[in-house]
Amino acid sequence: MAGPQRITLAMTGASGAQYGLRLLDCLVQEEREVHFLISKAAQLVIATETDVTLPGKPQAMQAFLSEYTGAAPGQIRVFGQEDWLAPPASGSSAPNAMVVVPCSTGSLSAIAGGACNNLIERAADVALKERRQLILVPREAPYSSIHLENMLKLSNLGVIILPASPGFYHQPQSLDDLVDFVVARILNLLDIPQDMLPRWGEHHRSSCEE
């Protein structure tokens, strides 16, 4: 199986809840274990932007998301923001990759500053100190100089900054196609198979072979 077996997926309060939910679904379908973290602001955004209303308690949320995605028992584990005994809080047991999608500029700033005021920030700090893959998907427009400086600082530390900026060369026909473009890019970076978006040149090559 290519790519990491266990992944920390965090959702924060930027617009773009569809990206995080779609990525969760794809990770489940690829049989990955997901440690799911979510901020209170993200729960509000999800309720505003989608028809999904998540339960407030981690255990109830875990049951809901497992049913929502068709996950196997124990495949999705939800941890509260103050659960300091959760695996993502320690380098000895944290997953090998972490994705924050969507990533608010507040979370971006906290991660860049090394803050550990909640489990999302601590998990990102662990990923940084352990030199593990960390992908941040900010969704903001326009970016201020502060945002850009934080992105540059994190990029210089090895963090992958993947703005939620879908392309159009795949000729999207729906909103779902635009969401899938960004999610496919995340999966490519994680080295997890996906068939939502051909890699650049693949369509041209197959057309020439016909």
N, C-alpha and C. Protein backbone atom coordinates (compact mmCIF):
# COMPACT_ATOMS: atom_id res chain seq x y z
N MET A 1 0.85 -1.20 0.00
CA MET A 1 0.00 0.00 0.00
C MET A 1 0.89 1.24 0.00
N ALA A 2 0.74 2.09 -1.02
CA ALA A 2 1.54 3.30 -1.12
C ALA A 2 1.06 4.35 -0.14
N GLY A 3 1.98 5.23 0.27
CA GLY A 3 1.62 6.33 1.14
C GLY A 3 1.48 5.92 2.59
N PRO A 4 1.28 6.90 3.47
CA PRO A 4 1.19 6.61 4.91
C PRO A 4 -0.05 5.82 5.28
N GLN A 5 0.10 4.93 6.27
CA GLN A 5 -1.01 4.11 6.74
C GLN A 5 -1.94 4.91 7.66
N ARG A 6 -1.35 5.77 8.49
CA ARG A 6 -2.11 6.59 9.44
C ARG A 6 -1.87 8.06 9.15
N ILE A 7 -2.95 8.82 9.15
CA ILE A 7 -2.88 10.24 8.81
C ILE A 7 -3.68 11.04 9.81
N THR A 8 -3.12 12.15 10.26
CA THR A 8 -3.89 13.10 11.06
C THR A 8 -4.54 14.09 10.12
N LEU A 9 -5.84 14.19 10.17
CA LEU A 9 -6.60 15.15 9.36
C LEU A 9 -7.23 16.16 10.31
N ALA A 10 -6.86 17.43 10.14
CA ALA A 10 -7.42 18.48 10.98
C ALA A 10 -8.20 19.46 10.12
N MET A 11 -9.33 19.90 10.62
CA MET A 11 -10.13 20.92 9.95
C MET A 11 -10.25 22.12 10.87
N THR A 12 -9.93 23.29 10.33
CA THR A 12 -10.04 24.53 11.11
C THR A 12 -11.05 25.47 10.45
N GLY A 13 -11.16 26.69 10.96
CA GLY A 13 -12.31 27.52 10.65
C GLY A 13 -12.31 28.34 9.39
N ALA A 14 -11.48 28.03 8.41
CA ALA A 14 -11.54 28.72 7.13
C ALA A 14 -12.70 28.16 6.29
N SER A 15 -13.11 28.92 5.30
CA SER A 15 -14.10 28.41 4.35
C SER A 15 -13.46 27.26 3.56
N GLY A 16 -14.30 26.34 3.10
CA GLY A 16 -13.78 25.20 2.35
C GLY A 16 -13.95 23.89 3.07
N ALA A 17 -15.02 23.77 3.85
CA ALA A 17 -15.26 22.53 4.59
C ALA A 17 -15.37 21.33 3.66
N GLN A 18 -15.84 21.56 2.44
CA GLN A 18 -16.01 20.46 1.48
C GLN A 18 -14.69 19.76 1.20
N TYR A 19 -13.59 20.50 1.21
CA TYR A 19 -12.28 19.88 0.95
C TYR A 19 -11.94 18.86 2.03
N GLY A 20 -12.14 19.24 3.28
CA GLY A 20 -11.80 18.35 4.38
C GLY A 20 -12.68 17.11 4.41
N LEU A 21 -13.99 17.29 4.20
CA LEU A 21 -14.90 16.16 4.24
C LEU A 21 -14.64 15.20 3.08
N ARG A 22 -14.34 15.76 1.91
CA ARG A 22 -14.05 14.92 0.75
C ARG A 22 -12.75 14.15 0.95
N LEU A 23 -11.75 14.81 1.52
CA LEU A 23 -10.49 14.12 1.78
C LEU A 23 -10.70 12.99 2.78
N LEU A 24 -11.48 13.23 3.81
CA LEU A 24 -11.78 12.18 4.79
C LEU A 24 -12.39 10.97 4.10
N ASP A 25 -13.34 11.21 3.22
CA ASP A 25 -14.00 10.13 2.51
C ASP A 25 -13.00 9.35 1.65
N CYS A 26 -12.10 10.07 0.96
CA CYS A 26 -11.12 9.41 0.11
C CYS A 26 -10.14 8.58 0.93
N LEU A 27 -9.72 9.09 2.07
CA LEU A 27 -8.78 8.35 2.92
C LEU A 27 -9.43 7.07 3.44
N VAL A 28 -10.69 7.15 3.78
CA VAL A 28 -11.41 5.97 4.24
C VAL A 28 -11.49 4.93 3.12
N GLN A 29 -11.83 5.39 1.91
CA GLN A 29 -11.94 4.46 0.78
C GLN A 29 -10.60 3.81 0.46
N GLU A 30 -9.50 4.50 0.75
CA GLU A 30 -8.17 3.94 0.52
C GLU A 30 -7.65 3.16 1.74
N GLU A 31 -8.55 2.92 2.68
CA GLU A 31 -8.28 2.07 3.84
C GLU A 31 -7.17 2.61 4.74
N ARG A 32 -7.13 3.93 4.90
CA ARG A 32 -6.17 4.54 5.83
C ARG A 32 -6.84 4.77 7.17
N GLU A 33 -6.03 4.71 8.21
CA GLU A 33 -6.52 5.07 9.55
C GLU A 33 -6.39 6.57 9.69
N VAL A 34 -7.46 7.23 10.11
CA VAL A 34 -7.49 8.68 10.19
C VAL A 34 -7.70 9.12 11.64
N HIS A 35 -6.79 9.96 12.12
CA HIS A 35 -6.96 10.64 13.40
C HIS A 35 -7.54 12.01 13.08
N PHE A 36 -8.79 12.22 13.46
CA PHE A 36 -9.55 13.39 13.04
C PHE A 36 -9.61 14.43 14.15
N LEU A 37 -9.18 15.66 13.83
CA LEU A 37 -9.20 16.78 14.77
C LEU A 37 -10.00 17.91 14.14
N ILE A 38 -10.78 18.60 14.92
CA ILE A 38 -11.59 19.68 14.37
C ILE A 38 -11.78 20.78 15.40
N SER A 39 -11.70 22.02 14.93
CA SER A 39 -11.90 23.15 15.83
C SER A 39 -13.39 23.49 15.90
N LYS A 40 -13.77 24.25 16.92
CA LYS A 40 -15.17 24.67 17.05
C LYS A 40 -15.59 25.54 15.87
N ALA A 41 -14.67 26.40 15.42
CA ALA A 41 -14.97 27.26 14.27
C ALA A 41 -15.23 26.42 13.02
N ALA A 42 -14.47 25.33 12.86
CA ALA A 42 -14.67 24.46 11.70
C ALA A 42 -16.04 23.79 11.75
N GLN A 43 -16.49 23.41 12.94
CA GLN A 43 -17.82 22.81 13.06
C GLN A 43 -18.89 23.79 12.62
N LEU A 44 -18.70 25.06 12.95
CA LEU A 44 -19.65 26.09 12.52
C LEU A 44 -19.62 26.26 11.01
N VAL A 45 -18.42 26.26 10.43
CA VAL A 45 -18.28 26.42 8.98
C VAL A 45 -18.94 25.25 8.26
N ILE A 46 -18.73 24.02 8.76
CA ILE A 46 -19.34 22.84 8.14
C ILE A 46 -20.86 22.97 8.13
N ALA A 47 -21.43 23.40 9.26
CA ALA A 47 -22.88 23.56 9.34
C ALA A 47 -23.38 24.65 8.40
N THR A 48 -22.54 25.66 8.14
CA THR A 48 -22.92 26.77 7.27
C THR A 48 -22.79 26.42 5.79
N GLU A 49 -21.72 25.69 5.44
CA GLU A 49 -21.40 25.45 4.03
C GLU A 49 -21.94 24.13 3.48
N THR A 50 -22.35 23.22 4.36
CA THR A 50 -22.80 21.91 3.90
C THR A 50 -24.10 21.54 4.62
N ASP A 51 -24.62 20.38 4.27
CA ASP A 51 -25.81 19.88 4.96
C ASP A 51 -25.45 18.93 6.08
N VAL A 52 -24.17 18.93 6.48
CA VAL A 52 -23.67 18.06 7.54
C VAL A 52 -23.65 18.82 8.87
N THR A 53 -24.23 18.24 9.88
CA THR A 53 -24.18 18.80 11.23
C THR A 53 -23.51 17.79 12.14
N LEU A 54 -22.30 18.09 12.57
CA LEU A 54 -21.53 17.14 13.37
C LEU A 54 -21.94 17.20 14.84
N PRO A 55 -22.02 16.07 15.50
CA PRO A 55 -22.25 16.07 16.95
C PRO A 55 -21.08 16.75 17.65
N GLY A 56 -21.33 17.31 18.83
CA GLY A 56 -20.29 18.05 19.52
C GLY A 56 -19.26 17.20 20.24
N LYS A 57 -19.66 16.03 20.73
CA LYS A 57 -18.77 15.18 21.52
C LYS A 57 -17.93 14.29 20.61
N PRO A 58 -16.64 14.11 20.92
CA PRO A 58 -15.76 13.29 20.07
C PRO A 58 -16.30 11.89 19.79
N GLN A 59 -16.82 11.21 20.80
CA GLN A 59 -17.29 9.84 20.59
C GLN A 59 -18.48 9.80 19.65
N ALA A 60 -19.41 10.73 19.83
CA ALA A 60 -20.59 10.79 18.96
C ALA A 60 -20.17 11.21 17.55
N MET A 61 -19.22 12.12 17.45
CA MET A 61 -18.73 12.56 16.14
C MET A 61 -18.04 11.41 15.41
N GLN A 62 -17.30 10.62 16.17
CA GLN A 62 -16.61 9.47 15.58
C GLN A 62 -17.62 8.49 14.99
N ALA A 63 -18.68 8.21 15.72
CA ALA A 63 -19.71 7.30 15.23
C ALA A 63 -20.39 7.88 13.99
N PHE A 64 -20.66 9.18 14.02
CA PHE A 64 -21.32 9.83 12.89
C PHE A 64 -20.45 9.78 11.64
N LEU A 65 -19.17 10.14 11.77
CA LEU A 65 -18.28 10.17 10.62
C LEU A 65 -18.01 8.77 10.08
N SER A 66 -17.97 7.79 10.96
CA SER A 66 -17.77 6.41 10.52
C SER A 66 -18.94 5.96 9.65
N GLU A 67 -20.15 6.29 10.08
CA GLU A 67 -21.32 5.94 9.28
C GLU A 67 -21.38 6.77 8.00
N TYR A 68 -21.03 8.05 8.10
CA TYR A 68 -21.09 8.98 6.96
C TYR A 68 -20.16 8.54 5.84
N THR A 69 -18.99 8.02 6.18
CA THR A 69 -18.00 7.62 5.19
C THR A 69 -17.97 6.13 4.90
N GLY A 70 -18.69 5.35 5.70
CA GLY A 70 -18.64 3.91 5.55
C GLY A 70 -17.35 3.31 6.07
N ALA A 71 -16.75 3.96 7.07
CA ALA A 71 -15.47 3.50 7.62
C ALA A 71 -15.64 2.21 8.40
N ALA A 72 -14.56 1.44 8.43
CA ALA A 72 -14.54 0.23 9.24
C ALA A 72 -14.43 0.62 10.71
N PRO A 73 -14.82 -0.26 11.61
CA PRO A 73 -14.71 0.05 13.05
C PRO A 73 -13.28 0.42 13.43
N GLY A 74 -13.13 1.55 14.09
CA GLY A 74 -11.81 2.00 14.53
C GLY A 74 -10.98 2.68 13.46
N GLN A 75 -11.49 2.77 12.23
CA GLN A 75 -10.70 3.39 11.15
C GLN A 75 -10.60 4.90 11.34
N ILE A 76 -11.65 5.53 11.83
CA ILE A 76 -11.64 6.96 12.16
C ILE A 76 -11.63 7.09 13.67
N ARG A 77 -10.67 7.87 14.16
CA ARG A 77 -10.61 8.15 15.60
C ARG A 77 -10.67 9.66 15.78
N VAL A 78 -11.64 10.12 16.54
CA VAL A 78 -11.82 11.55 16.76
C VAL A 78 -11.32 11.92 18.14
N PHE A 79 -10.53 12.99 18.21
CA PHE A 79 -9.96 13.43 19.48
C PHE A 79 -10.35 14.88 19.75
N GLY A 80 -10.69 15.17 21.00
CA GLY A 80 -11.03 16.53 21.39
C GLY A 80 -9.82 17.44 21.42
N GLN A 81 -10.08 18.73 21.40
CA GLN A 81 -9.01 19.72 21.30
C GLN A 81 -8.14 19.82 22.55
N GLU A 82 -8.58 19.23 23.64
CA GLU A 82 -7.78 19.24 24.86
C GLU A 82 -7.41 17.82 25.30
N ASP A 83 -7.43 16.90 24.36
CA ASP A 83 -7.07 15.52 24.67
C ASP A 83 -5.56 15.36 24.48
N TRP A 84 -4.81 15.72 25.50
CA TRP A 84 -3.35 15.72 25.40
C TRP A 84 -2.74 14.32 25.44
N LEU A 85 -3.55 13.31 25.69
CA LEU A 85 -3.07 11.93 25.66
C LEU A 85 -3.30 11.27 24.30
N ALA A 86 -3.85 12.01 23.35
CA ALA A 86 -4.11 11.47 22.02
C ALA A 86 -2.79 11.22 21.28
N PRO A 87 -2.71 10.20 20.44
CA PRO A 87 -1.48 9.89 19.71
C PRO A 87 -0.87 11.07 18.94
N PRO A 88 -1.66 11.94 18.29
CA PRO A 88 -1.04 13.04 17.55
C PRO A 88 -0.26 14.02 18.42
N ALA A 89 -0.46 13.95 19.75
CA ALA A 89 0.21 14.89 20.65
C ALA A 89 1.64 14.49 20.98
N SER A 90 2.06 13.31 20.53
CA SER A 90 3.40 12.83 20.88
C SER A 90 4.12 12.28 19.66
N GLY A 91 5.40 12.60 19.56
CA GLY A 91 6.20 12.10 18.47
C GLY A 91 6.40 10.61 18.50
N SER A 92 6.16 9.98 19.64
CA SER A 92 6.37 8.54 19.76
C SER A 92 5.26 7.72 19.12
N SER A 93 4.11 8.36 18.88
CA SER A 93 2.99 7.58 18.32
C SER A 93 2.18 8.33 17.27
N ALA A 94 2.56 9.55 16.95
CA ALA A 94 1.80 10.33 15.97
C ALA A 94 1.91 9.72 14.58
N PRO A 95 0.87 9.87 13.76
CA PRO A 95 0.94 9.41 12.37
C PRO A 95 2.08 10.06 11.60
N ASN A 96 2.47 9.46 10.48
CA ASN A 96 3.60 9.95 9.70
C ASN A 96 3.27 11.15 8.83
N ALA A 97 1.99 11.49 8.71
CA ALA A 97 1.60 12.63 7.89
C ALA A 97 0.42 13.35 8.54
N MET A 98 0.36 14.65 8.33
CA MET A 98 -0.74 15.46 8.84
C MET A 98 -1.17 16.45 7.77
N VAL A 99 -2.48 16.60 7.61
CA VAL A 99 -3.04 17.57 6.68
C VAL A 99 -4.00 18.46 7.45
N VAL A 100 -3.86 19.76 7.28
CA VAL A 100 -4.82 20.72 7.85
C VAL A 100 -5.57 21.32 6.67
N VAL A 101 -6.86 20.94 6.53
CA VAL A 101 -7.65 21.39 5.40
C VAL A 101 -9.12 21.52 5.80
N PRO A 102 -9.70 22.71 5.67
CA PRO A 102 -9.01 23.95 5.35
C PRO A 102 -8.20 24.44 6.55
N CYS A 103 -7.19 25.24 6.24
CA CYS A 103 -6.34 25.81 7.28
C CYS A 103 -6.60 27.30 7.37
N SER A 104 -7.15 27.75 8.48
CA SER A 104 -7.41 29.18 8.68
C SER A 104 -6.09 29.92 8.83
N THR A 105 -6.11 31.21 8.58
CA THR A 105 -4.89 32.00 8.74
C THR A 105 -4.51 32.11 10.21
N GLY A 106 -5.50 31.97 11.12
CA GLY A 106 -5.19 31.95 12.54
C GLY A 106 -4.41 30.69 12.90
N SER A 107 -4.84 29.56 12.38
CA SER A 107 -4.10 28.31 12.61
C SER A 107 -2.73 28.36 11.96
N LEU A 108 -2.66 28.93 10.78
CA LEU A 108 -1.38 29.09 10.09
C LEU A 108 -0.40 29.87 10.96
N SER A 109 -0.89 30.97 11.54
CA SER A 109 -0.05 31.80 12.40
C SER A 109 0.40 31.04 13.64
N ALA A 110 -0.53 30.32 14.26
CA ALA A 110 -0.21 29.56 15.48
C ALA A 110 0.83 28.49 15.20
N ILE A 111 0.68 27.80 14.08
CA ILE A 111 1.64 26.74 13.73
C ILE A 111 3.00 27.34 13.43
N ALA A 112 3.01 28.46 12.71
CA ALA A 112 4.27 29.12 12.39
C ALA A 112 4.98 29.62 13.64
N GLY A 113 4.20 29.99 14.66
CA GLY A 113 4.77 30.50 15.90
C GLY A 113 5.08 29.44 16.93
N GLY A 114 4.75 28.17 16.63
CA GLY A 114 5.03 27.09 17.56
C GLY A 114 4.06 27.02 18.72
N ALA A 115 2.89 27.63 18.57
CA ALA A 115 1.90 27.58 19.65
C ALA A 115 1.36 26.16 19.80
N CYS A 116 1.03 25.81 21.01
CA CYS A 116 0.47 24.48 21.29
C CYS A 116 -0.72 24.65 22.23
N ASN A 117 -1.62 25.55 21.88
CA ASN A 117 -2.74 25.85 22.76
C ASN A 117 -3.90 24.87 22.62
N ASN A 118 -3.87 24.04 21.59
CA ASN A 118 -4.89 23.01 21.43
C ASN A 118 -4.25 21.83 20.70
N LEU A 119 -5.00 20.76 20.52
CA LEU A 119 -4.43 19.54 19.96
C LEU A 119 -4.02 19.71 18.50
N ILE A 120 -4.76 20.52 17.74
CA ILE A 120 -4.38 20.74 16.34
C ILE A 120 -3.00 21.40 16.27
N GLU A 121 -2.81 22.44 17.06
CA GLU A 121 -1.52 23.14 17.06
C GLU A 121 -0.41 22.23 17.56
N ARG A 122 -0.68 21.46 18.60
CA ARG A 122 0.32 20.54 19.14
C ARG A 122 0.68 19.45 18.12
N ALA A 123 -0.33 18.90 17.44
CA ALA A 123 -0.07 17.87 16.44
C ALA A 123 0.79 18.41 15.31
N ALA A 124 0.54 19.64 14.87
CA ALA A 124 1.35 20.25 13.83
C ALA A 124 2.77 20.50 14.34
N ASP A 125 2.90 20.90 15.59
CA ASP A 125 4.22 21.12 16.19
C ASP A 125 5.00 19.81 16.26
N VAL A 126 4.31 18.72 16.57
CA VAL A 126 4.95 17.40 16.60
C VAL A 126 5.43 17.03 15.20
N ALA A 127 4.58 17.26 14.20
CA ALA A 127 4.97 16.94 12.83
C ALA A 127 6.22 17.72 12.43
N LEU A 128 6.31 18.96 12.84
CA LEU A 128 7.48 19.78 12.52
C LEU A 128 8.73 19.27 13.22
N LYS A 129 8.62 19.02 14.51
CA LYS A 129 9.83 18.63 15.26
C LYS A 129 10.31 17.23 14.89
N GLU A 130 9.38 16.38 14.45
CA GLU A 130 9.74 15.01 14.06
C GLU A 130 10.09 14.92 12.57
N ARG A 131 10.05 16.06 11.87
CA ARG A 131 10.35 16.10 10.43
C ARG A 131 9.42 15.19 9.65
N ARG A 132 8.12 15.21 10.00
CA ARG A 132 7.13 14.42 9.29
C ARG A 132 6.37 15.29 8.30
N GLN A 133 5.72 14.66 7.37
CA GLN A 133 5.03 15.41 6.32
C GLN A 133 3.86 16.21 6.92
N LEU A 134 3.85 17.50 6.62
CA LEU A 134 2.79 18.40 7.08
C LEU A 134 2.32 19.22 5.89
N ILE A 135 1.04 19.10 5.57
CA ILE A 135 0.44 19.81 4.45
C ILE A 135 -0.62 20.75 4.98
N LEU A 136 -0.50 22.02 4.65
CA LEU A 136 -1.48 23.03 5.06
C LEU A 136 -2.20 23.54 3.82
N VAL A 137 -3.53 23.61 3.90
CA VAL A 137 -4.33 24.05 2.76
C VAL A 137 -5.09 25.31 3.16
N PRO A 138 -4.44 26.48 3.05
CA PRO A 138 -5.11 27.73 3.42
C PRO A 138 -6.16 28.13 2.40
N ARG A 139 -7.20 28.79 2.86
CA ARG A 139 -8.27 29.28 1.98
C ARG A 139 -8.60 30.69 2.44
N GLU A 140 -7.99 31.66 1.81
CA GLU A 140 -8.20 33.07 2.16
C GLU A 140 -7.93 33.91 0.92
N ALA A 141 -8.53 35.07 0.82
CA ALA A 141 -8.26 35.96 -0.31
C ALA A 141 -8.67 37.38 0.06
N PRO A 142 -7.78 38.35 -0.14
CA PRO A 142 -6.36 38.17 -0.51
C PRO A 142 -5.54 37.80 0.72
N TYR A 143 -4.30 37.42 0.49
CA TYR A 143 -3.38 37.15 1.59
C TYR A 143 -2.67 38.44 1.99
N SER A 144 -2.55 38.66 3.30
CA SER A 144 -1.78 39.81 3.78
C SER A 144 -0.30 39.44 3.81
N SER A 145 0.53 40.43 4.02
CA SER A 145 1.97 40.17 4.13
C SER A 145 2.26 39.24 5.32
N ILE A 146 1.47 39.36 6.39
CA ILE A 146 1.65 38.48 7.55
C ILE A 146 1.38 37.03 7.15
N HIS A 147 0.29 36.80 6.41
CA HIS A 147 -0.02 35.44 5.96
C HIS A 147 1.11 34.88 5.10
N LEU A 148 1.58 35.70 4.17
CA LEU A 148 2.62 35.25 3.25
C LEU A 148 3.93 34.99 3.98
N GLU A 149 4.24 35.83 4.96
CA GLU A 149 5.46 35.60 5.74
C GLU A 149 5.37 34.30 6.54
N ASN A 150 4.19 34.02 7.10
CA ASN A 150 4.01 32.77 7.83
C ASN A 150 4.14 31.56 6.90
N MET A 151 3.59 31.67 5.70
CA MET A 151 3.71 30.58 4.73
C MET A 151 5.16 30.36 4.34
N LEU A 152 5.90 31.44 4.11
CA LEU A 152 7.30 31.32 3.73
C LEU A 152 8.11 30.69 4.86
N LYS A 153 7.84 31.12 6.09
CA LYS A 153 8.55 30.55 7.24
C LYS A 153 8.31 29.05 7.32
N LEU A 154 7.07 28.62 7.17
CA LEU A 154 6.74 27.21 7.26
C LEU A 154 7.29 26.43 6.07
N SER A 155 7.23 27.03 4.89
CA SER A 155 7.78 26.37 3.71
C SER A 155 9.27 26.12 3.87
N ASN A 156 9.97 27.08 4.45
CA ASN A 156 11.41 26.92 4.69
C ASN A 156 11.71 25.82 5.70
N LEU A 157 10.70 25.45 6.50
CA LEU A 157 10.84 24.37 7.48
C LEU A 157 10.42 23.01 6.89
N GLY A 158 10.02 23.02 5.63
CA GLY A 158 9.65 21.77 4.98
C GLY A 158 8.16 21.51 4.88
N VAL A 159 7.35 22.45 5.38
CA VAL A 159 5.91 22.29 5.29
C VAL A 159 5.45 22.54 3.85
N ILE A 160 4.50 21.76 3.39
CA ILE A 160 3.93 21.97 2.06
C ILE A 160 2.72 22.89 2.19
N ILE A 161 2.77 24.02 1.50
CA ILE A 161 1.66 24.97 1.48
C ILE A 161 0.90 24.76 0.18
N LEU A 162 -0.32 24.29 0.27
CA LEU A 162 -1.13 23.99 -0.91
C LEU A 162 -2.41 24.82 -0.83
N PRO A 163 -2.40 26.04 -1.36
CA PRO A 163 -3.61 26.86 -1.30
C PRO A 163 -4.78 26.18 -2.01
N ALA A 164 -5.97 26.40 -1.51
CA ALA A 164 -7.16 25.82 -2.13
C ALA A 164 -7.48 26.62 -3.39
N SER A 165 -6.68 26.39 -4.43
CA SER A 165 -6.80 27.11 -5.69
C SER A 165 -6.96 26.10 -6.82
N PRO A 166 -8.18 25.63 -7.07
CA PRO A 166 -8.37 24.62 -8.10
C PRO A 166 -8.03 25.13 -9.49
N GLY A 167 -7.47 24.25 -10.31
CA GLY A 167 -7.20 24.57 -11.70
C GLY A 167 -8.41 24.26 -12.56
N PHE A 168 -8.30 24.57 -13.86
CA PHE A 168 -9.42 24.36 -14.77
C PHE A 168 -9.03 23.57 -16.01
N TYR A 169 -7.77 23.08 -16.06
CA TYR A 169 -7.34 22.36 -17.25
C TYR A 169 -8.03 21.00 -17.39
N HIS A 170 -8.66 20.52 -16.31
CA HIS A 170 -9.41 19.26 -16.41
C HIS A 170 -10.86 19.50 -16.81
N GLN A 171 -11.20 20.75 -17.18
CA GLN A 171 -12.52 21.13 -17.65
C GLN A 171 -13.63 20.70 -16.68
N PRO A 172 -13.63 21.29 -15.48
CA PRO A 172 -14.62 20.92 -14.47
C PRO A 172 -16.04 21.21 -14.92
N GLN A 173 -16.94 20.32 -14.58
CA GLN A 173 -18.34 20.46 -14.94
C GLN A 173 -19.23 20.78 -13.74
N SER A 174 -18.66 20.71 -12.55
CA SER A 174 -19.46 20.91 -11.34
C SER A 174 -18.58 21.41 -10.21
N LEU A 175 -19.22 21.83 -9.12
CA LEU A 175 -18.50 22.24 -7.92
C LEU A 175 -17.71 21.06 -7.36
N ASP A 176 -18.27 19.87 -7.44
CA ASP A 176 -17.57 18.68 -6.95
C ASP A 176 -16.26 18.46 -7.70
N ASP A 177 -16.24 18.77 -8.99
CA ASP A 177 -15.01 18.62 -9.77
C ASP A 177 -13.92 19.56 -9.26
N LEU A 178 -14.30 20.78 -8.85
CA LEU A 178 -13.33 21.73 -8.32
C LEU A 178 -12.80 21.28 -6.97
N VAL A 179 -13.69 20.75 -6.13
CA VAL A 179 -13.26 20.22 -4.84
C VAL A 179 -12.31 19.05 -5.05
N ASP A 180 -12.66 18.16 -5.99
CA ASP A 180 -11.84 16.98 -6.24
C ASP A 180 -10.45 17.35 -6.76
N PHE A 181 -10.34 18.46 -7.47
CA PHE A 181 -9.02 18.89 -7.97
C PHE A 181 -8.07 19.11 -6.81
N VAL A 182 -8.51 19.84 -5.79
CA VAL A 182 -7.65 20.14 -4.64
C VAL A 182 -7.38 18.87 -3.83
N VAL A 183 -8.42 18.07 -3.62
CA VAL A 183 -8.25 16.84 -2.85
C VAL A 183 -7.30 15.88 -3.56
N ALA A 184 -7.41 15.80 -4.88
CA ALA A 184 -6.51 14.94 -5.65
C ALA A 184 -5.06 15.39 -5.51
N ARG A 185 -4.83 16.68 -5.48
CA ARG A 185 -3.47 17.20 -5.30
C ARG A 185 -2.91 16.81 -3.93
N ILE A 186 -3.78 16.85 -2.91
CA ILE A 186 -3.35 16.42 -1.57
C ILE A 186 -2.98 14.95 -1.58
N LEU A 187 -3.83 14.13 -2.19
CA LEU A 187 -3.56 12.69 -2.25
C LEU A 187 -2.28 12.38 -3.01
N ASN A 188 -2.03 13.13 -4.09
CA ASN A 188 -0.78 12.95 -4.83
C ASN A 188 0.42 13.22 -3.95
N LEU A 189 0.34 14.28 -3.15
CA LEU A 189 1.45 14.62 -2.26
C LEU A 189 1.65 13.56 -1.19
N LEU A 190 0.57 12.93 -0.77
CA LEU A 190 0.65 11.85 0.21
C LEU A 190 1.05 10.52 -0.43
N ASP A 191 1.15 10.50 -1.75
CA ASP A 191 1.46 9.28 -2.49
C ASP A 191 0.39 8.22 -2.27
N ILE A 192 -0.87 8.68 -2.25
CA ILE A 192 -2.01 7.79 -2.11
C ILE A 192 -2.75 7.75 -3.45
N PRO A 193 -3.05 6.59 -3.98
CA PRO A 193 -3.70 6.49 -5.30
C PRO A 193 -5.02 7.26 -5.34
N GLN A 194 -5.27 7.88 -6.50
CA GLN A 194 -6.54 8.57 -6.73
C GLN A 194 -6.82 8.55 -8.22
N ASP A 195 -8.11 8.51 -8.58
CA ASP A 195 -8.49 8.52 -9.99
C ASP A 195 -9.40 9.70 -10.32
N MET A 196 -9.38 10.71 -9.45
CA MET A 196 -10.24 11.87 -9.66
C MET A 196 -9.66 12.84 -10.67
N LEU A 197 -8.34 12.87 -10.77
CA LEU A 197 -7.67 13.86 -11.60
C LEU A 197 -6.44 13.24 -12.24
N PRO A 198 -6.37 13.21 -13.59
CA PRO A 198 -5.17 12.67 -14.22
C PRO A 198 -3.99 13.60 -13.98
N ARG A 199 -2.82 13.02 -13.81
CA ARG A 199 -1.62 13.84 -13.68
C ARG A 199 -1.36 14.56 -15.00
N TRP A 200 -0.71 15.70 -14.93
CA TRP A 200 -0.48 16.51 -16.12
C TRP A 200 0.25 15.69 -17.18
N GLY A 201 -0.30 15.69 -18.40
CA GLY A 201 0.31 14.97 -19.50
C GLY A 201 -0.31 13.61 -19.74
N GLU A 202 -0.98 13.02 -18.75
CA GLU A 202 -1.54 11.69 -18.91
C GLU A 202 -2.65 11.67 -19.94
N HIS A 203 -3.53 12.68 -19.91
CA HIS A 203 -4.63 12.73 -20.87
C HIS A 203 -4.08 12.91 -22.29
N HIS A 204 -3.08 13.78 -22.42
CA HIS A 204 -2.47 14.02 -23.73
C HIS A 204 -1.83 12.75 -24.27
N ARG A 205 -1.14 12.02 -23.39
CA ARG A 205 -0.46 10.81 -23.80
C ARG A 205 -1.45 9.73 -24.24
N SER A 206 -2.54 9.57 -23.47
CA SER A 206 -3.52 8.55 -23.82
C SER A 206 -4.24 8.90 -25.12
N SER A 207 -4.46 10.20 -25.36
CA SER A 207 -5.11 10.63 -26.59
C SER A 207 -4.23 10.33 -27.80
N CYS A 208 -2.94 10.54 -27.64
CA CYS A 208 -2.01 10.29 -28.73
C CYS A 208 -1.89 8.81 -29.03
N GLU A 209 -2.13 7.95 -28.01
CA GLU A 209 -1.99 6.52 -28.19
C GLU A 209 -3.19 5.89 -28.87
N GLU A 210 -4.31 6.64 -28.93
CA GLU A 210 -5.51 6.09 -29.53
C GLU A 210 -5.38 5.99 -31.05
